């Protein structure tokens, strides 16, 4: 078999800053349970059977993140000891040697790929969904990212999620455009969420290039994307459609960019910024720009906040308001509403 380049990406804390060769051992388990892993000395025995399998150290045992891991008769083994695994370390088989791609003093960015059951070629993904409870694979990929952040890339296709896709700080969830669809058959589900707290806000989150469709799964869900106490984050190039409540909902969240999204057919607001503390103004300095909001109850609703910018949006054919500031503009200070197009609302 011509192997080409083999990559092993570490998600929960493994692998090495320097490869240390030890004596061969008699074992048929890969990886070992003593904080080491075994590979064929020439790479062939291991890579032939474990191409594109990824392993993570969970603190007690090695966990296979993709199918195919487990027992295998191996020859010519070499142990590589990693007494202090580093989250995000990457090694690559370059055709002759195993090369550690993590530079001294830092980690490489981590990207994990998730394939839908109907993706064109889901075998190239690190996690393969089967069309039921696809949230399990997406959440597993997110959990495997290092604390310093990384990307979960969703291939084209439909992902049926029966639990919320909960993001944390520095997560980046991206799709392949309008053809990457997250939906649900579970009523009253918020499909994508991120939840911090007062003084413990989530930060640095990105959602991009995907579609959240509350109707595609046939259930009346709640919010397409719900952020609560999330700061310094971004949602862009997202389609949030046919949700039972809001398309995109920010609660007590500051310094975010909501740009170039399409929010259509949502029962309540296309984009909603609101407070649930009663401490006005509770959120501010958000930029809501370049969005298309059509056929919602209200295109863009700002319940309260300060120094928010709403500019360059197209809010057409919503049943009540194009852009709504209220109620009675209580708790709204120093906000800019500039250059928007509101028609037939």
Foldseek 3Di string as FASTA:
>chain_A
DDQAKAKEWEFAFADDPDWDWDDDDDFQAAQDQPRKGKAAQFRCQRCVQQGLWYWYDNPGGIDTLAPRHTGGDGPRIIITHHPGTDGTWMWMDRNGDIDTPQDPPGHDADEFEEEECPFPDRVVGSHYHNQPQQLVSLLSVQNRHDPCAHEYEYEFDEGEHPAANEHAARYEYEYQAARAEYEYLHAAHAHYEYEADVVGAGENYEYARYEYEHPPNPYAYAEPYEYERYEHYEYERYEQEQHAEESYEYELYEHYEYAHYEQANYAAEPYEYYYDPPPFPRYEHYEAEHYEAEQYQEHYEYAAYEQYEYEHYEQEHHNHYDYYQDPVNPRYYHYHYYHYHYYHD
